[in-house]
PDB file of N, CA and C in Angstrom:
ATOM      1  N   MET A   1     -28.768  -6.833  14.685  1.00  0.00           N
ATOM      2  CA  MET A   1     -29.399  -6.270  13.506  1.00  0.00           C
ATOM      3  C   MET A   1     -28.337  -6.029  12.431  1.00  0.00           C
ATOM      4  N   VAL A   2     -28.572  -6.519  11.264  1.00  0.00           N
ATOM      5  CA  VAL A   2     -27.644  -6.363  10.157  1.00  0.00           C
ATOM      6  C   VAL A   2     -27.936  -5.037   9.468  1.00  0.00           C
ATOM      7  N   LYS A   3     -26.897  -4.214   9.364  1.00  0.00           N
ATOM      8  CA  LYS A   3     -27.068  -2.930   8.711  1.00  0.00           C
ATOM      9  C   LYS A   3     -27.022  -3.122   7.193  1.00  0.00           C
ATOM     10  N   LYS A   4     -27.885  -2.404   6.509  1.00  0.00           N
ATOM     11  CA  LYS A   4     -27.941  -2.464   5.045  1.00  0.00           C
ATOM     12  C   LYS A   4     -27.433  -1.139   4.472  1.00  0.00           C
ATOM     13  N   ILE A   5     -26.750  -1.217   3.359  1.00  0.00           N
ATOM     14  CA  ILE A   5     -26.308  -0.017   2.661  1.00  0.00           C
ATOM     15  C   ILE A   5     -26.975   0.012   1.290  1.00  0.00           C
ATOM     16  N   ARG A   6     -27.108   1.216   0.754  1.00  0.00           N
ATOM     17  CA  ARG A   6     -27.717   1.379  -0.566  1.00  0.00           C
ATOM     18  C   ARG A   6     -26.602   1.466  -1.602  1.00  0.00           C
ATOM     19  N   VAL A   7     -26.685   0.623  -2.611  1.00  0.00           N
ATOM     20  CA  VAL A   7     -25.702   0.587  -3.684  1.00  0.00           C
ATOM     21  C   VAL A   7     -26.412   0.977  -4.970  1.00  0.00           C
ATOM     22  N   CYS A   8     -25.881   1.955  -5.685  1.00  0.00           N
ATOM     23  CA  CYS A   8     -26.458   2.381  -6.957  1.00  0.00           C
ATOM     24  C   CYS A   8     -25.475   2.068  -8.084  1.00  0.00           C
ATOM     25  N   VAL A   9     -26.002   1.487  -9.157  1.00  0.00           N
ATOM     26  CA  VAL A   9     -25.203   1.101 -10.312  1.00  0.00           C
ATOM     27  C   VAL A   9     -25.626   1.989 -11.477  1.00  0.00           C
ATOM     28  N   LYS A  10     -24.669   2.596 -12.155  1.00  0.00           N
ATOM     29  CA  LYS A  10     -24.968   3.422 -13.323  1.00  0.00           C
ATOM     30  C   LYS A  10     -25.368   2.534 -14.498  1.00  0.00           C
ATOM     31  N   GLY A  11     -26.142   3.099 -15.401  1.00  0.00           N
ATOM     32  CA  GLY A  11     -26.499   2.375 -16.610  1.00  0.00           C
ATOM     33  C   GLY A  11     -25.281   2.191 -17.503  1.00  0.00           C
ATOM     34  N   TYR A  12     -25.305   1.129 -18.286  1.00  0.00           N
ATOM     35  CA  TYR A  12     -24.178   0.869 -19.171  1.00  0.00           C
ATOM     36  C   TYR A  12     -24.638   0.062 -20.384  1.00  0.00           C
ATOM     37  N   THR A  13     -23.764  -0.061 -21.369  1.00  0.00           N
ATOM     38  CA  THR A  13     -24.058  -0.838 -22.565  1.00  0.00           C
ATOM     39  C   THR A  13     -23.134  -2.053 -22.598  1.00  0.00           C
ATOM     40  N   ARG A  14     -23.728  -3.226 -22.775  1.00  0.00           N
ATOM     41  CA  ARG A  14     -22.929  -4.445 -22.862  1.00  0.00           C
ATOM     42  C   ARG A  14     -22.209  -4.512 -24.205  1.00  0.00           C
ATOM     43  N   GLU A  15     -21.262  -5.439 -24.308  1.00  0.00           N
ATOM     44  CA  GLU A  15     -20.502  -5.587 -25.548  1.00  0.00           C
ATOM     45  C   GLU A  15     -21.400  -5.967 -26.727  1.00  0.00           C
ATOM     46  N   ASP A  16     -22.490  -6.691 -26.430  1.00  0.00           N
ATOM     47  CA  ASP A  16     -23.381  -7.099 -27.528  1.00  0.00           C
ATOM     48  C   ASP A  16     -24.369  -6.001 -27.920  1.00  0.00           C
ATOM     49  N   GLY A  17     -24.276  -4.816 -27.297  1.00  0.00           N
ATOM     50  CA  GLY A  17     -25.109  -3.683 -27.654  1.00  0.00           C
ATOM     51  C   GLY A  17     -26.360  -3.521 -26.807  1.00  0.00           C
ATOM     52  N   THR A  18     -26.605  -4.446 -25.889  1.00  0.00           N
ATOM     53  CA  THR A  18     -27.778  -4.364 -25.016  1.00  0.00           C
ATOM     54  C   THR A  18     -27.568  -3.270 -23.974  1.00  0.00           C
ATOM     55  N   ARG A  19     -28.558  -2.419 -23.836  1.00  0.00           N
ATOM     56  CA  ARG A  19     -28.494  -1.320 -22.864  1.00  0.00           C
ATOM     57  C   ARG A  19     -29.060  -1.795 -21.527  1.00  0.00           C
ATOM     58  N   VAL A  20     -28.314  -1.598 -20.444  1.00  0.00           N
ATOM     59  CA  VAL A  20     -28.752  -1.964 -19.102  1.00  0.00           C
ATOM     60  C   VAL A  20     -29.015  -0.674 -18.334  1.00  0.00           C
ATOM     61  N   LYS A  21     -30.236  -0.533 -17.803  1.00  0.00           N
ATOM     62  CA  LYS A  21     -30.602   0.672 -17.065  1.00  0.00           C
ATOM     63  C   LYS A  21     -29.893   0.707 -15.713  1.00  0.00           C
ATOM     64  N   GLY A  22     -29.689   1.916 -15.219  1.00  0.00           N
ATOM     65  CA  GLY A  22     -29.145   2.066 -13.883  1.00  0.00           C
ATOM     66  C   GLY A  22     -30.173   1.649 -12.848  1.00  0.00           C
ATOM     67  N   HIS A  23     -29.697   1.153 -11.718  1.00  0.00           N
ATOM     68  CA  HIS A  23     -30.612   0.704 -10.680  1.00  0.00           C
ATOM     69  C   HIS A  23     -29.936   0.786  -9.318  1.00  0.00           C
ATOM     70  N   CYS A  24     -30.733   0.737  -8.271  1.00  0.00           N
ATOM     71  CA  CYS A  24     -30.237   0.762  -6.896  1.00  0.00           C
ATOM     72  C   CYS A  24     -30.779  -0.449  -6.154  1.00  0.00           C
ATOM     73  N   TYR A  25     -29.997  -0.933  -5.199  1.00  0.00           N
ATOM     74  CA  TYR A  25     -30.449  -2.049  -4.374  1.00  0.00           C
ATOM     75  C   TYR A  25     -29.783  -1.941  -3.006  1.00  0.00           C
ATOM     76  N   LYS A  26     -30.324  -2.676  -2.031  1.00  0.00           N
ATOM     77  CA  LYS A  26     -29.747  -2.695  -0.686  1.00  0.00           C
ATOM     78  C   LYS A  26     -29.022  -4.014  -0.495  1.00  0.00           C
ATOM     79  N   ARG A  27     -27.893  -3.931   0.204  1.00  0.00           N
ATOM     80  CA  ARG A  27     -27.132  -5.136   0.498  1.00  0.00           C
ATOM     81  C   ARG A  27     -26.550  -5.035   1.891  1.00  0.00           C
ATOM     82  N   LYS A  28     -26.088  -6.129   2.396  1.00  0.00           N
ATOM     83  CA  LYS A  28     -25.509  -6.190   3.729  1.00  0.00           C
ATOM     84  C   LYS A  28     -24.237  -5.355   3.777  1.00  0.00           C
ATOM     85  N   ASP A  29     -24.065  -4.600   4.853  1.00  0.00           N
ATOM     86  CA  ASP A  29     -22.862  -3.798   5.038  1.00  0.00           C
ATOM     87  C   ASP A  29     -21.778  -4.683   5.635  1.00  0.00           C
ATOM     88  N   PHE A  30     -20.709  -4.919   4.875  1.00  0.00           N
ATOM     89  CA  PHE A  30     -19.631  -5.770   5.329  1.00  0.00           C
ATOM     90  C   PHE A  30     -18.517  -4.991   6.037  1.00  0.00           C
ATOM     91  N   GLY A  31     -18.637  -3.677   6.105  1.00  0.00           N
ATOM     92  CA  GLY A  31     -17.613  -2.864   6.742  1.00  0.00           C
ATOM     93  C   GLY A  31     -17.610  -3.045   8.248  1.00  0.00           C
ATOM     94  N   ALA A  32     -16.443  -3.126   8.836  1.00  0.00           N
ATOM     95  CA  ALA A  32     -16.342  -3.263  10.287  1.00  0.00           C
ATOM     96  C   ALA A  32     -16.630  -1.913  10.940  1.00  0.00           C
ATOM     97  N   PRO A  33     -17.510  -1.856  11.919  1.00  0.00           N
ATOM     98  CA  PRO A  33     -17.851  -0.572  12.530  1.00  0.00           C
ATOM     99  C   PRO A  33     -16.699  -0.011  13.353  1.00  0.00           C
ATOM    100  N   GLY A  34     -16.503   1.293  13.231  1.00  0.00           N
ATOM    101  CA  GLY A  34     -15.504   1.957  14.062  1.00  0.00           C
ATOM    102  C   GLY A  34     -14.067   1.719  13.675  1.00  0.00           C
ATOM    103  N   LYS A  35     -13.788   1.315  12.467  1.00  0.00           N
ATOM    104  CA  LYS A  35     -12.413   1.009  12.077  1.00  0.00           C
ATOM    105  C   LYS A  35     -11.713   2.158  11.355  1.00  0.00           C
ATOM    106  N   GLY A  36     -12.410   3.227  11.088  1.00  0.00           N
ATOM    107  CA  GLY A  36     -11.784   4.362  10.413  1.00  0.00           C
ATOM    108  C   GLY A  36     -10.986   5.216  11.388  1.00  0.00           C
ATOM    109  N   PRO A  37     -10.058   6.033  10.908  1.00  0.00           N
ATOM    110  CA  PRO A  37      -9.278   6.882  11.800  1.00  0.00           C
ATOM    111  C   PRO A  37     -10.143   7.964  12.429  1.00  0.00           C
ATOM    112  N   LYS A  38      -9.948   8.196  13.703  1.00  0.00           N
ATOM    113  CA  LYS A  38     -10.715   9.197  14.443  1.00  0.00           C
ATOM    114  C   LYS A  38      -9.952  10.520  14.389  1.00  0.00           C
ATOM    115  N   VAL A  39     -10.160  11.267  13.307  1.00  0.00           N
ATOM    116  CA  VAL A  39      -9.376  12.461  13.030  1.00  0.00           C
ATOM    117  C   VAL A  39      -9.682  13.587  14.005  1.00  0.00           C
ATOM    118  N   VAL A  40     -10.950  13.861  14.232  1.00  0.00           N
ATOM    119  CA  VAL A  40     -11.315  14.992  15.086  1.00  0.00           C
ATOM    120  C   VAL A  40     -10.902  14.733  16.522  1.00  0.00           C
ATOM    121  N   GLN A  41     -10.995  13.484  16.991  1.00  0.00           N
ATOM    122  CA  GLN A  41     -10.585  13.183  18.354  1.00  0.00           C
ATOM    123  C   GLN A  41      -9.089  13.399  18.543  1.00  0.00           C
ATOM    124  N   LYS A  42      -8.297  13.120  17.512  1.00  0.00           N
ATOM    125  CA  LYS A  42      -6.859  13.343  17.614  1.00  0.00           C
ATOM    126  C   LYS A  42      -6.558  14.825  17.800  1.00  0.00           C
ATOM    127  N   LEU A  43      -7.269  15.683  17.085  1.00  0.00           N
ATOM    128  CA  LEU A  43      -7.051  17.118  17.226  1.00  0.00           C
ATOM    129  C   LEU A  43      -7.696  17.654  18.487  1.00  0.00           C
ATOM    130  N   GLY A  44      -8.745  16.988  18.962  1.00  0.00           N
ATOM    131  CA  GLY A  44      -9.459  17.431  20.155  1.00  0.00           C
ATOM    132  C   GLY A  44      -8.610  17.379  21.405  1.00  0.00           C
ATOM    133  N   LYS A  45      -7.650  16.477  21.469  1.00  0.00           N
ATOM    134  CA  LYS A  45      -6.825  16.406  22.677  1.00  0.00           C
ATOM    135  C   LYS A  45      -5.873  17.599  22.798  1.00  0.00           C
ATOM    136  N   PHE A  46      -5.749  18.366  21.729  1.00  0.00           N
ATOM    137  CA  PHE A  46      -4.954  19.603  21.792  1.00  0.00           C
ATOM    138  C   PHE A  46      -5.835  20.822  22.049  1.00  0.00           C
ATOM    139  N   GLY A  47      -7.144  20.602  22.179  1.00  0.00           N
ATOM    140  CA  GLY A  47      -8.070  21.693  22.430  1.00  0.00           C
ATOM    141  C   GLY A  47      -8.782  22.179  21.190  1.00  0.00           C
ATOM    142  N   TYR A  48      -8.703  21.421  20.095  1.00  0.00           N
ATOM    143  CA  TYR A  48      -9.357  21.814  18.848  1.00  0.00           C
ATOM    144  C   TYR A  48     -10.838  21.473  18.906  1.00  0.00           C
ATOM    145  N   SER A  49     -11.665  22.429  18.567  1.00  0.00           N
ATOM    146  CA  SER A  49     -13.100  22.223  18.485  1.00  0.00           C
ATOM    147  C   SER A  49     -13.658  23.186  17.449  1.00  0.00           C
ATOM    148  N   THR A  50     -14.618  22.726  16.660  1.00  0.00           N
ATOM    149  CA  THR A  50     -15.184  23.587  15.637  1.00  0.00           C
ATOM    150  C   THR A  50     -16.025  24.703  16.244  1.00  0.00           C
ATOM    151  N   SER A  51     -16.427  24.541  17.498  1.00  0.00           N
ATOM    152  CA  SER A  51     -17.211  25.591  18.154  1.00  0.00           C
ATOM    153  C   SER A  51     -16.331  26.609  18.861  1.00  0.00           C
ATOM    154  N   ALA A  52     -15.026  26.365  18.937  1.00  0.00           N
ATOM    155  CA  ALA A  52     -14.105  27.308  19.584  1.00  0.00           C
ATOM    156  C   ALA A  52     -13.776  28.459  18.635  1.00  0.00           C
ATOM    157  N   GLY A  53     -13.209  29.505  19.172  1.00  0.00           N
ATOM    158  CA  GLY A  53     -12.816  30.651  18.366  1.00  0.00           C
ATOM    159  C   GLY A  53     -11.604  30.339  17.501  1.00  0.00           C
ATOM    160  N   ALA A  54     -11.348  31.204  16.539  1.00  0.00           N
ATOM    161  CA  ALA A  54     -10.256  30.973  15.594  1.00  0.00           C
ATOM    162  C   ALA A  54      -8.904  30.932  16.295  1.00  0.00           C
ATOM    163  N   GLU A  55      -8.680  31.827  17.252  1.00  0.00           N
ATOM    164  CA  GLU A  55      -7.389  31.866  17.944  1.00  0.00           C
ATOM    165  C   GLU A  55      -7.142  30.576  18.723  1.00  0.00           C
ATOM    166  N   THR A  56      -8.167  30.067  19.384  1.00  0.00           N
ATOM    167  CA  THR A  56      -8.040  28.813  20.141  1.00  0.00           C
ATOM    168  C   THR A  56      -7.764  27.648  19.200  1.00  0.00           C
ATOM    169  N   ARG A  57      -8.474  27.591  18.092  1.00  0.00           N
ATOM    170  CA  ARG A  57      -8.258  26.514  17.124  1.00  0.00           C
ATOM    171  C   ARG A  57      -6.852  26.571  16.542  1.00  0.00           C
ATOM    172  N   HIS A  58      -6.378  27.761  16.238  1.00  0.00           N
ATOM    173  CA  HIS A  58      -5.040  27.900  15.645  1.00  0.00           C
ATOM    174  C   HIS A  58      -3.952  27.504  16.632  1.00  0.00           C
ATOM    175  N   ARG A  59      -4.137  27.836  17.916  1.00  0.00           N
ATOM    176  CA  ARG A  59      -3.175  27.386  18.935  1.00  0.00           C
ATOM    177  C   ARG A  59      -3.155  25.861  19.003  1.00  0.00           C
ATOM    178  N   ALA A  60      -4.334  25.258  18.961  1.00  0.00           N
ATOM    179  CA  ALA A  60      -4.429  23.803  19.012  1.00  0.00           C
ATOM    180  C   ALA A  60      -3.765  23.176  17.785  1.00  0.00           C
ATOM    181  N   LEU A  61      -3.959  23.769  16.615  1.00  0.00           N
ATOM    182  CA  LEU A  61      -3.328  23.248  15.404  1.00  0.00           C
ATOM    183  C   LEU A  61      -1.811  23.387  15.469  1.00  0.00           C
ATOM    184  N   ASP A  62      -1.319  24.489  16.048  1.00  0.00           N
ATOM    185  CA  ASP A  62       0.129  24.653  16.228  1.00  0.00           C
ATOM    186  C   ASP A  62       0.697  23.541  17.104  1.00  0.00           C
ATOM    187  N   LYS A  63      -0.014  23.216  18.185  1.00  0.00           N
ATOM    188  CA  LYS A  63       0.436  22.134  19.072  1.00  0.00           C
ATOM    189  C   LYS A  63       0.423  20.796  18.338  1.00  0.00           C
ATOM    190  N   ALA A  64      -0.618  20.572  17.544  1.00  0.00           N
ATOM    191  CA  ALA A  64      -0.725  19.326  16.797  1.00  0.00           C
ATOM    192  C   ALA A  64       0.386  19.204  15.762  1.00  0.00           C
ATOM    193  N   VAL A  65       0.766  20.321  15.145  1.00  0.00           N
ATOM    194  CA  VAL A  65       1.848  20.307  14.156  1.00  0.00           C
ATOM    195  C   VAL A  65       3.165  19.903  14.813  1.00  0.00           C
ATOM    196  N   THR A  66       3.398  20.358  16.046  1.00  0.00           N
ATOM    197  CA  THR A  66       4.646  19.986  16.723  1.00  0.00           C
ATOM    198  C   THR A  66       4.690  18.485  17.028  1.00  0.00           C
ATOM    199  N   VAL A  67       3.535  17.867  17.261  1.00  0.00           N
ATOM    200  CA  VAL A  67       3.501  16.439  17.578  1.00  0.00           C
ATOM    201  C   VAL A  67       3.438  15.571  16.329  1.00  0.00           C
ATOM    202  N   TYR A  68       2.489  15.861  15.436  1.00  0.00           N
ATOM    203  CA  TYR A  68       2.258  15.017  14.264  1.00  0.00           C
ATOM    204  C   TYR A  68       2.994  15.471  13.010  1.00  0.00           C
ATOM    205  N   GLY A  69       3.401  16.728  12.943  1.00  0.00           N
ATOM    206  CA  GLY A  69       4.021  17.263  11.740  1.00  0.00           C
ATOM    207  C   GLY A  69       2.999  17.969  10.878  1.00  0.00           C
ATOM    208  N   TYR A  70       3.482  18.893  10.067  1.00  0.00           N
ATOM    209  CA  TYR A  70       2.596  19.738   9.261  1.00  0.00           C
ATOM    210  C   TYR A  70       1.780  18.936   8.262  1.00  0.00           C
ATOM    211  N   ALA A  71       2.421  18.046   7.520  1.00  0.00           N
ATOM    212  CA  ALA A  71       1.723  17.319   6.468  1.00  0.00           C
ATOM    213  C   ALA A  71       0.593  16.464   7.030  1.00  0.00           C
ATOM    214  N   SER A  72       0.824  15.850   8.176  1.00  0.00           N
ATOM    215  CA  SER A  72      -0.187  15.001   8.782  1.00  0.00           C
ATOM    216  C   SER A  72      -1.386  15.814   9.258  1.00  0.00           C
ATOM    217  N   VAL A  73      -1.128  16.933   9.913  1.00  0.00           N
ATOM    218  CA  VAL A  73      -2.217  17.784  10.410  1.00  0.00           C
ATOM    219  C   VAL A  73      -2.978  18.399   9.243  1.00  0.00           C
ATOM    220  N   ARG A  74      -2.265  18.823   8.215  1.00  0.00           N
ATOM    221  CA  ARG A  74      -2.930  19.366   7.028  1.00  0.00           C
ATOM    222  C   ARG A  74      -3.826  18.307   6.407  1.00  0.00           C
ATOM    223  N   GLY A  75      -3.378  17.072   6.393  1.00  0.00           N
ATOM    224  CA  GLY A  75      -4.199  15.985   5.876  1.00  0.00           C
ATOM    225  C   GLY A  75      -5.433  15.744   6.732  1.00  0.00           C
ATOM    226  N   MET A  76      -5.278  15.801   8.061  1.00  0.00           N
ATOM    227  CA  MET A  76      -6.412  15.602   8.965  1.00  0.00           C
ATOM    228  C   MET A  76      -7.485  16.663   8.752  1.00  0.00           C
ATOM    229  N   VAL A  77      -7.056  17.913   8.663  1.00  0.00           N
ATOM    230  CA  VAL A  77      -8.016  19.002   8.482  1.00  0.00           C
ATOM    231  C   VAL A  77      -8.568  18.979   7.057  1.00  0.00           C
ATOM    232  N   GLY A  78      -7.720  18.694   6.097  1.00  0.00           N
ATOM    233  CA  GLY A  78      -8.142  18.674   4.700  1.00  0.00           C
ATOM    234  C   GLY A  78      -9.153  17.588   4.405  1.00  0.00           C
ATOM    235  N   VAL A  79      -8.974  16.416   4.985  1.00  0.00           N
ATOM    236  CA  VAL A  79      -9.918  15.330   4.735  1.00  0.00           C
ATOM    237  C   VAL A  79     -11.277  15.665   5.342  1.00  0.00           C
ATOM    238  N   GLN A  80     -11.281  16.364   6.463  1.00  0.00           N
ATOM    239  CA  GLN A  80     -12.554  16.795   7.050  1.00  0.00           C
ATOM    240  C   GLN A  80     -13.251  17.800   6.135  1.00  0.00           C
ATOM    241  N   ALA A  81     -12.486  18.739   5.608  1.00  0.00           N
ATOM    242  CA  ALA A  81     -13.063  19.809   4.796  1.00  0.00           C
ATOM    243  C   ALA A  81     -13.446  19.343   3.399  1.00  0.00           C
ATOM    244  N   HIS A  82     -12.603  18.536   2.779  1.00  0.00           N
ATOM    245  CA  HIS A  82     -12.785  18.223   1.365  1.00  0.00           C
ATOM    246  C   HIS A  82     -13.375  16.849   1.071  1.00  0.00           C
ATOM    247  N   VAL A  83     -13.401  15.944   2.055  1.00  0.00           N
ATOM    248  CA  VAL A  83     -13.905  14.602   1.803  1.00  0.00           C
ATOM    249  C   VAL A  83     -15.141  14.300   2.643  1.00  0.00           C
ATOM    250  N   PHE A  84     -14.983  14.323   3.977  1.00  0.00           N
ATOM    251  CA  PHE A  84     -16.077  13.919   4.846  1.00  0.00           C
ATOM    252  C   PHE A  84     -17.258  14.873   4.793  1.00  0.00           C
ATOM    253  N   ARG A  85     -17.020  16.155   4.611  1.00  0.00           N
ATOM    254  CA  ARG A  85     -18.104  17.132   4.604  1.00  0.00           C
ATOM    255  C   ARG A  85     -18.277  17.765   3.222  1.00  0.00           C
ATOM    256  N   LYS A  86     -17.935  17.028   2.201  1.00  0.00           N
ATOM    257  CA  LYS A  86     -17.885  17.531   0.838  1.00  0.00           C
ATOM    258  C   LYS A  86     -19.204  18.143   0.359  1.00  0.00           C
ATOM    259  N   GLY A  87     -20.305  17.455   0.523  1.00  0.00           N
ATOM    260  CA  GLY A  87     -21.572  17.942  -0.008  1.00  0.00           C
ATOM    261  C   GLY A  87     -22.389  18.733   0.999  1.00  0.00           C
ATOM    262  N   LEU A  88     -21.857  18.941   2.183  1.00  0.00           N
ATOM    263  CA  LEU A  88     -22.619  19.609   3.233  1.00  0.00           C
ATOM    264  C   LEU A  88     -22.405  21.113   3.209  1.00  0.00           C
ATOM    265  N   LYS A  89     -23.359  21.818   3.752  1.00  0.00           N
ATOM    266  CA  LYS A  89     -23.228  23.264   3.914  1.00  0.00           C
ATOM    267  C   LYS A  89     -23.472  23.573   5.383  1.00  0.00           C
ATOM    268  N   ASP A  90     -22.557  23.166   6.233  1.00  0.00           N
ATOM    269  CA  ASP A  90     -22.725  23.398   7.659  1.00  0.00           C
ATOM    270  C   ASP A  90     -21.574  24.236   8.214  1.00  0.00           C
ATOM    271  N   HIS A  91     -21.715  24.617   9.452  1.00  0.00           N
ATOM    272  CA  HIS A  91     -20.732  25.470  10.115  1.00  0.00           C
ATOM    273  C   HIS A  91     -19.371  24.782  10.197  1.00  0.00           C
ATOM    274  N   ALA A  92     -19.366  23.498  10.529  1.00  0.00           N
ATOM    275  CA  ALA A  92     -18.106  22.775  10.713  1.00  0.00           C
ATOM    276  C   ALA A  92     -17.289  22.731   9.426  1.00  0.00           C
ATOM    277  N   LYS A  93     -17.948  22.563   8.288  1.00  0.00           N
ATOM    278  CA  LYS A  93     -17.220  22.527   7.019  1.00  0.00           C
ATOM    279  C   LYS A  93     -16.503  23.849   6.780  1.00  0.00           C
ATOM    280  N   ASN A  94     -17.194  24.952   7.048  1.00  0.00           N
ATOM    281  CA  ASN A  94     -16.572  26.266   6.863  1.00  0.00           C
ATOM    282  C   ASN A  94     -15.391  26.454   7.799  1.00  0.00           C
ATOM    283  N   VAL A  95     -15.515  25.965   9.027  1.00  0.00           N
ATOM    284  CA  VAL A  95     -14.420  26.063   9.997  1.00  0.00           C
ATOM    285  C   VAL A  95     -13.216  25.276   9.507  1.00  0.00           C
ATOM    286  N   PHE A  96     -13.439  24.040   9.057  1.00  0.00           N
ATOM    287  CA  PHE A  96     -12.335  23.215   8.566  1.00  0.00           C
ATOM    288  C   PHE A  96     -11.690  23.833   7.328  1.00  0.00           C
ATOM    289  N   MET A  97     -12.495  24.399   6.437  1.00  0.00           N
ATOM    290  CA  MET A  97     -11.951  25.058   5.242  1.00  0.00           C
ATOM    291  C   MET A  97     -11.074  26.243   5.630  1.00  0.00           C
ATOM    292  N   ASP A  98     -11.562  27.071   6.571  1.00  0.00           N
ATOM    293  CA  ASP A  98     -10.784  28.230   7.023  1.00  0.00           C
ATOM    294  C   ASP A  98      -9.480  27.794   7.677  1.00  0.00           C
ATOM    295  N   ASP A  99      -9.549  26.749   8.507  1.00  0.00           N
ATOM    296  CA  ASP A  99      -8.347  26.279   9.187  1.00  0.00           C
ATOM    297  C   ASP A  99      -7.364  25.636   8.210  1.00  0.00           C
ATOM    298  N   PHE A 100      -7.874  24.966   7.194  1.00  0.00           N
ATOM    299  CA  PHE A 100      -6.995  24.394   6.177  1.00  0.00           C
ATOM    300  C   PHE A 100      -6.237  25.503   5.448  1.00  0.00           C
ATOM    301  N   GLU A 101      -6.962  26.545   5.061  1.00  0.00           N
ATOM    302  CA  GLU A 101      -6.317  27.682   4.392  1.00  0.00           C
ATOM    303  C   GLU A 101      -5.312  28.370   5.310  1.00  0.00           C
ATOM    304  N   TRP A 102      -5.645  28.469   6.603  1.00  0.00           N
ATOM    305  CA  TRP A 102      -4.729  29.089   7.564  1.00  0.00           C
ATOM    306  C   TRP A 102      -3.445  28.268   7.694  1.00  0.00           C
ATOM    307  N   LEU A 103      -3.577  26.941   7.751  1.00  0.00           N
ATOM    308  CA  LEU A 103      -2.393  26.073   7.833  1.00  0.00           C
ATOM    309  C   LEU A 103      -1.484  26.241   6.624  1.00  0.00           C
ATOM    310  N   VAL A 104      -2.082  26.249   5.437  1.00  0.00           N
ATOM    311  CA  VAL A 104      -1.288  26.392   4.209  1.00  0.00           C
ATOM    312  C   VAL A 104      -0.607  27.756   4.171  1.00  0.00           C
ATOM    313  N   LYS A 105      -1.329  28.776   4.615  1.00  0.00           N
ATOM    314  CA  LYS A 105      -0.768  30.133   4.609  1.00  0.00           C
ATOM    315  C   LYS A 105       0.389  30.249   5.600  1.00  0.00           C
ATOM    316  N   LYS A 106       0.247  29.641   6.774  1.00  0.00           N
ATOM    317  CA  LYS A 106       1.283  29.764   7.806  1.00  0.00           C
ATOM    318  C   LYS A 106       2.498  28.882   7.525  1.00  0.00           C
ATOM    319  N   TYR A 107       2.247  27.619   7.160  1.00  0.00           N
ATOM    320  CA  TYR A 107       3.339  26.665   7.027  1.00  0.00           C
ATOM    321  C   TYR A 107       3.766  26.395   5.589  1.00  0.00           C
ATOM    322  N   GLY A 108       3.090  26.962   4.622  1.00  0.00           N
ATOM    323  CA  GLY A 108       3.440  26.733   3.219  1.00  0.00           C
ATOM    324  C   GLY A 108       2.649  25.569   2.665  1.00  0.00           C
ATOM    325  N   ASP A 109       2.855  25.290   1.402  1.00  0.00           N
ATOM    326  CA  ASP A 109       2.078  24.232   0.762  1.00  0.00           C
ATOM    327  C   ASP A 109       2.692  22.848   0.990  1.00  0.00           C
ATOM    328  N   GLY A 110       3.804  22.751   1.682  1.00  0.00           N
ATOM    329  CA  GLY A 110       4.376  21.463   2.026  1.00  0.00           C
ATOM    330  C   GLY A 110       5.223  20.817   0.949  1.00  0.00           C
ATOM    331  N   LYS A 111       5.546  21.552  -0.093  1.00  0.00           N
ATOM    332  CA  LYS A 111       6.353  20.971  -1.183  1.00  0.00           C
ATOM    333  C   LYS A 111       7.822  21.198  -0.935  1.00  0.00           C
TER     334      LYS A 111
END
């Protein structure tokens, strides 16, 4: 089964002054499945889980920092909080936001 994605195009004005309305259409998804980085699984091997308590998560993040480094772990948590769950209002987003702030507070802003 070929997966389809929805593509939306904003309206625009051509050089000759003709106005083109915005529209949406479906097209074949050319993205390879499963090729993105598995961020949560990388942190999960240290015991990180969004359903765990704050102390357990912070211990897991400390272990991850020793292996991957602060900047990498901050990026992993930050991308979850600010990119992947950007428009959502769920428990996991709040957990990632809190942990991101905790990392910055403990280890500095990385500059």
